[in-house]
């Protein structure tokens, strides 16, 4: 198993010292590799693609905070490692409200999340929903 961690600036949202760390139940255990990234795209500036190819595993499972940013990994995985099946677990992702560029009310996190999932499922990943998310 391979885990990717975003390492943000000191005092920021993804600062490991102030909360930017793995959920305990999902944290790497001894022997599991970890890649640290500083950009939304887990492949940019890291050796993630090389590591994934070396693992010879056919599937990439994606989860994380800020669904609209997490979507960079499935998009790039499909581009750089074309034989991968990419799965995104919707209930293991979340996001925040975003400001509306036109000056209108903020875009609700639930709408941002749903739009990001729809865009990914359209072409780049299989999005898995849990029962509470089904109609």
Protein backbone atom coordinates (compact mmCIF):
# COMPACT_ATOMS: atom_id res chain seq x y z
CA UNK A 1 0.00 0.00 0.00
CA UNK A 2 1.13 3.52 -0.75
CA UNK A 3 -0.16 6.66 0.98
CA UNK A 4 0.07 10.25 -0.26
CA UNK A 5 0.25 13.13 2.22
CA UNK A 6 -0.07 16.80 1.42
CA UNK A 7 2.54 18.87 3.26
CA UNK A 8 1.43 22.45 3.48
CA UNK A 9 3.06 25.56 4.86
CA UNK A 10 3.53 26.06 8.59
CA UNK A 11 0.31 27.27 10.17
CA UNK A 12 -1.76 26.39 7.09
CA UNK A 13 -4.59 23.93 6.61
CA UNK A 14 -2.26 21.08 5.66
CA UNK A 15 0.49 21.76 8.20
CA UNK A 16 1.13 18.35 9.84
CA UNK A 17 1.77 20.06 13.17
CA UNK A 18 -1.67 21.71 13.22
CA UNK A 19 -4.02 19.08 11.84
CA UNK A 20 -2.88 18.29 8.30
CA UNK A 21 -2.29 14.58 8.87
CA UNK A 22 -3.87 11.22 8.15
CA UNK A 23 -7.01 10.10 9.93
CA UNK A 24 -5.70 7.62 12.46
CA UNK A 25 -7.60 4.65 11.04
CA UNK A 26 -6.16 5.34 7.56
CA UNK A 27 -2.62 6.24 8.54
CA UNK A 28 0.27 4.26 7.10
CA UNK A 29 1.41 1.37 9.25
CA UNK A 30 4.97 0.15 9.54
CA UNK A 31 6.26 -0.93 6.16
CA UNK A 32 3.76 1.06 4.10
CA UNK A 33 5.33 3.68 1.84
CA UNK A 34 4.41 7.35 1.89
CA UNK A 35 4.80 10.04 -0.76
CA UNK A 36 4.72 13.68 0.30
CA UNK A 37 3.35 16.28 -2.07
CA UNK A 38 3.02 20.06 -1.97
CA UNK A 39 0.59 20.55 -4.88
CA UNK A 40 -2.97 19.29 -5.44
CA UNK A 41 -1.72 16.97 -8.19
CA UNK A 42 -0.14 14.02 -6.39
CA UNK A 43 1.99 13.26 -9.44
CA UNK A 44 3.55 16.74 -9.87
CA UNK A 45 6.99 16.99 -8.31
CA UNK A 46 6.83 13.48 -6.78
CA UNK A 47 7.89 9.99 -7.75
CA UNK A 48 4.34 8.65 -7.36
CA UNK A 49 4.00 7.46 -10.98
CA UNK A 50 7.27 5.53 -10.78
CA UNK A 51 6.27 3.96 -7.46
CA UNK A 52 2.85 2.93 -8.73
CA UNK A 53 4.32 1.30 -11.83
CA UNK A 54 6.86 -0.53 -9.66
CA UNK A 55 4.08 -1.90 -7.43
CA UNK A 56 2.43 -3.54 -10.45
CA UNK A 57 -0.99 -3.09 -8.88
CA UNK A 58 -3.81 -2.41 -11.37
CA UNK A 59 -5.96 -0.10 -9.27
CA UNK A 60 -5.58 3.27 -7.65
CA UNK A 61 -8.06 4.15 -4.89
CA UNK A 62 -8.38 7.85 -4.15
CA UNK A 63 -9.78 9.73 -1.14
CA UNK A 64 -9.02 13.03 0.56
CA UNK A 65 -9.99 16.52 1.54
CA UNK A 66 -11.17 19.14 -0.91
CA UNK A 67 -12.83 16.97 -3.53
CA UNK A 68 -12.34 19.67 -6.15
CA UNK A 69 -8.55 19.38 -5.60
CA UNK A 70 -8.42 15.61 -5.02
CA UNK A 71 -9.71 15.21 -8.57
CA UNK A 72 -6.25 16.08 -9.93
CA UNK A 73 -4.89 12.62 -9.03
CA UNK A 74 -7.43 10.54 -10.99
CA UNK A 75 -7.14 12.85 -13.98
CA UNK A 76 -3.35 12.55 -14.02
CA UNK A 77 -3.35 8.83 -13.27
CA UNK A 78 -5.44 8.24 -16.39
CA UNK A 79 -3.02 10.37 -18.39
CA UNK A 80 0.30 9.06 -17.08
CA UNK A 81 -0.50 5.47 -16.11
CA UNK A 82 -3.10 4.48 -18.67
CA UNK A 83 -3.62 0.89 -17.54
CA UNK A 84 -4.79 1.89 -14.07
CA UNK A 85 -8.37 1.54 -12.90
CA UNK A 86 -9.02 4.61 -10.79
CA UNK A 87 -11.66 4.49 -8.08
CA UNK A 88 -12.68 7.45 -5.96
CA UNK A 89 -14.56 6.78 -2.72
CA UNK A 90 -17.07 9.63 -2.46
CA UNK A 91 -17.74 9.24 1.26
CA UNK A 92 -13.99 9.41 1.93
CA UNK A 93 -13.78 12.85 0.33
CA UNK A 94 -15.09 16.22 1.44
CA UNK A 95 -14.70 19.85 0.53
CA UNK A 96 -15.60 23.37 1.64
CA UNK A 97 -17.73 26.24 0.42
CA UNK A 98 -16.09 28.19 -2.39
CA UNK A 99 -16.51 31.88 -3.18
CA UNK A 100 -18.53 32.69 -6.30
CA UNK A 101 -16.37 34.60 -8.76
CA UNK A 102 -19.38 36.60 -9.97
CA UNK A 103 -20.02 38.04 -6.52
CA UNK A 104 -23.01 35.86 -5.80
CA UNK A 105 -23.45 33.71 -2.71
CA UNK A 106 -20.77 31.13 -1.96
CA UNK A 107 -21.03 27.80 -3.71
CA UNK A 108 -22.10 25.26 -1.11
CA UNK A 109 -19.60 22.53 -0.29
CA UNK A 110 -22.21 19.87 -1.09
CA UNK A 111 -22.65 21.30 -4.59
CA UNK A 112 -18.89 21.61 -5.16
CA UNK A 113 -18.45 18.00 -3.98
CA UNK A 114 -21.24 16.67 -6.23
CA UNK A 115 -19.96 18.56 -9.27
CA UNK A 116 -16.38 17.32 -8.76
CA UNK A 117 -17.61 13.72 -8.38
CA UNK A 118 -19.77 13.99 -11.50
CA UNK A 119 -16.88 15.37 -13.56
CA UNK A 120 -14.55 12.58 -12.42
CA UNK A 121 -17.09 9.82 -12.97
CA UNK A 122 -17.77 11.12 -16.48
CA UNK A 123 -14.31 10.17 -17.73
CA UNK A 124 -11.53 9.72 -15.19
CA UNK A 125 -12.64 7.42 -12.36
CA UNK A 126 -15.29 5.11 -11.07
CA UNK A 127 -16.91 6.98 -8.21
CA UNK A 128 -18.20 4.75 -5.43
CA UNK A 129 -21.16 6.03 -3.44
CA UNK A 130 -22.35 4.59 -0.15
CA UNK A 131 -26.01 3.81 0.54
CA UNK A 132 -26.69 7.20 2.12
CA UNK A 133 -25.70 8.93 -1.13
CA UNK A 134 -27.99 6.91 -3.38
CA UNK A 135 -31.44 8.17 -4.46
